[in-house]
């Protein structure tokens, strides 16, 4: 995709850091959240927004490949409510 002019960013969990680094992806954002929840806990919109904005910043402001950015945010499990 990058060769076609479509820039990419991968957001992954820290448990896969070594594997993601070995893949030599153009841009990677690593979080220290559980597997399957690289954006954060359900309902933690503030952290999810922080991760997405970091990925977009990496996409917009990086010209060279192989960049890995680690996000130091903590995983907060908040009780998720729908409706009420």
C-alpha atoms as a PDB file:
ATOM      1  CA  UNK A   1       0.000   0.000   0.000  1.00  0.00           C
ATOM      2  CA  UNK A   2       2.807   2.386   0.844  1.00  0.00           C
ATOM      3  CA  UNK A   3       4.306   1.848  -2.612  1.00  0.00           C
ATOM      4  CA  UNK A   4       0.961   2.911  -4.103  1.00  0.00           C
ATOM      5  CA  UNK A   5       1.045   6.150  -2.116  1.00  0.00           C
ATOM      6  CA  UNK A   6      -1.324   5.045   0.666  1.00  0.00           C
ATOM      7  CA  UNK A   7       0.291   5.694   4.035  1.00  0.00           C
ATOM      8  CA  UNK A   8      -0.384   3.219   6.842  1.00  0.00           C
ATOM      9  CA  UNK A   9      -0.142   3.002  10.625  1.00  0.00           C
ATOM     10  CA  UNK A  10      -0.464  -0.176  12.682  1.00  0.00           C
ATOM     11  CA  UNK A  11      -1.661   0.064  16.296  1.00  0.00           C
ATOM     12  CA  UNK A  12      -0.643  -2.997  18.307  1.00  0.00           C
ATOM     13  CA  UNK A  13      -0.358  -4.306  21.835  1.00  0.00           C
ATOM     14  CA  UNK A  14       3.035  -4.319  23.534  1.00  0.00           C
ATOM     15  CA  UNK A  15       2.959  -8.087  23.842  1.00  0.00           C
ATOM     16  CA  UNK A  16       3.595  -8.174  20.076  1.00  0.00           C
ATOM     17  CA  UNK A  17       6.374  -5.564  20.068  1.00  0.00           C
ATOM     18  CA  UNK A  18       9.101  -7.961  18.896  1.00  0.00           C
ATOM     19  CA  UNK A  19       6.936  -9.419  16.148  1.00  0.00           C
ATOM     20  CA  UNK A  20       5.793  -6.015  14.925  1.00  0.00           C
ATOM     21  CA  UNK A  21       9.366  -4.715  14.919  1.00  0.00           C
ATOM     22  CA  UNK A  22      10.527  -7.748  12.931  1.00  0.00           C
ATOM     23  CA  UNK A  23       7.878  -7.023  10.286  1.00  0.00           C
ATOM     24  CA  UNK A  24       9.535  -3.638   9.611  1.00  0.00           C
ATOM     25  CA  UNK A  25       6.233  -1.857   9.159  1.00  0.00           C
ATOM     26  CA  UNK A  26       6.314   1.765   7.965  1.00  0.00           C
ATOM     27  CA  UNK A  27       4.697   3.181  11.110  1.00  0.00           C
ATOM     28  CA  UNK A  28       3.698   1.407  14.313  1.00  0.00           C
ATOM     29  CA  UNK A  29       2.094   2.615  17.528  1.00  0.00           C
ATOM     30  CA  UNK A  30       2.589   0.275  20.502  1.00  0.00           C
ATOM     31  CA  UNK A  31       0.358   0.388  23.568  1.00  0.00           C
ATOM     32  CA  UNK A  32       0.772  -1.632  26.757  1.00  0.00           C
ATOM     33  CA  UNK A  33      -2.827  -2.749  26.820  1.00  0.00           C
ATOM     34  CA  UNK A  34      -4.140  -6.327  26.806  1.00  0.00           C
ATOM     35  CA  UNK A  35      -4.214  -8.309  23.594  1.00  0.00           C
ATOM     36  CA  UNK A  36      -7.288  -7.451  21.552  1.00  0.00           C
ATOM     37  CA  UNK A  37      -7.628  -3.981  23.066  1.00  0.00           C
ATOM     38  CA  UNK A  38      -4.827  -1.880  21.566  1.00  0.00           C
ATOM     39  CA  UNK A  39      -6.941   1.286  21.876  1.00  0.00           C
ATOM     40  CA  UNK A  40      -7.739   0.806  25.557  1.00  0.00           C
ATOM     41  CA  UNK A  41     -10.607  -0.416  27.681  1.00  0.00           C
ATOM     42  CA  UNK A  42     -14.222  -0.312  26.500  1.00  0.00           C
ATOM     43  CA  UNK A  43     -15.722   3.028  27.447  1.00  0.00           C
ATOM     44  CA  UNK A  44     -12.349   4.706  28.051  1.00  0.00           C
ATOM     45  CA  UNK A  45     -12.907   7.253  25.308  1.00  0.00           C
ATOM     46  CA  UNK A  46     -10.176   9.604  26.534  1.00  0.00           C
ATOM     47  CA  UNK A  47      -7.439   6.972  26.196  1.00  0.00           C
ATOM     48  CA  UNK A  48      -8.849   5.691  22.891  1.00  0.00           C
ATOM     49  CA  UNK A  49      -8.767   9.218  21.530  1.00  0.00           C
ATOM     50  CA  UNK A  50      -5.168   9.671  22.740  1.00  0.00           C
ATOM     51  CA  UNK A  51      -4.049   6.496  20.930  1.00  0.00           C
ATOM     52  CA  UNK A  52      -5.817   7.421  17.688  1.00  0.00           C
ATOM     53  CA  UNK A  53      -4.489  10.984  17.736  1.00  0.00           C
ATOM     54  CA  UNK A  54      -0.971   9.652  18.308  1.00  0.00           C
ATOM     55  CA  UNK A  55      -1.343   7.327  15.315  1.00  0.00           C
ATOM     56  CA  UNK A  56      -2.654  10.159  13.135  1.00  0.00           C
ATOM     57  CA  UNK A  57       0.207  12.408  14.251  1.00  0.00           C
ATOM     58  CA  UNK A  58       2.689   9.689  13.337  1.00  0.00           C
ATOM     59  CA  UNK A  59       1.020   9.314   9.954  1.00  0.00           C
ATOM     60  CA  UNK A  60       1.035  13.038   9.247  1.00  0.00           C
ATOM     61  CA  UNK A  61       4.487  13.958  10.544  1.00  0.00           C
ATOM     62  CA  UNK A  62       6.712  11.007   9.608  1.00  0.00           C
ATOM     63  CA  UNK A  63       8.509  10.771   6.297  1.00  0.00           C
ATOM     64  CA  UNK A  64      10.787   7.819   6.986  1.00  0.00           C
ATOM     65  CA  UNK A  65       9.749   4.216   7.504  1.00  0.00           C
ATOM     66  CA  UNK A  66      10.291   1.826  10.377  1.00  0.00           C
ATOM     67  CA  UNK A  67       9.107   4.217  13.077  1.00  0.00           C
ATOM     68  CA  UNK A  68       7.811   2.635  16.308  1.00  0.00           C
ATOM     69  CA  UNK A  69       6.115   4.907  18.814  1.00  0.00           C
ATOM     70  CA  UNK A  70       5.343   3.616  22.306  1.00  0.00           C
ATOM     71  CA  UNK A  71       2.451   5.201  24.164  1.00  0.00           C
ATOM     72  CA  UNK A  72       2.865   5.243  27.956  1.00  0.00           C
ATOM     73  CA  UNK A  73      -0.881   5.423  28.669  1.00  0.00           C
ATOM     74  CA  UNK A  74      -2.289   3.137  31.350  1.00  0.00           C
ATOM     75  CA  UNK A  75      -5.099   0.672  30.902  1.00  0.00           C
ATOM     76  CA  UNK A  76      -8.099   1.724  32.963  1.00  0.00           C
ATOM     77  CA  UNK A  77     -11.031  -0.630  33.017  1.00  0.00           C
ATOM     78  CA  UNK A  78     -14.086   1.507  33.576  1.00  0.00           C
ATOM     79  CA  UNK A  79     -17.510   0.009  33.828  1.00  0.00           C
ATOM     80  CA  UNK A  80     -19.097   0.508  30.442  1.00  0.00           C
ATOM     81  CA  UNK A  81     -22.712   1.670  30.455  1.00  0.00           C
ATOM     82  CA  UNK A  82     -25.029   1.866  27.491  1.00  0.00           C
ATOM     83  CA  UNK A  83     -28.018   4.110  27.517  1.00  0.00           C
ATOM     84  CA  UNK A  84     -28.496   5.387  31.077  1.00  0.00           C
END
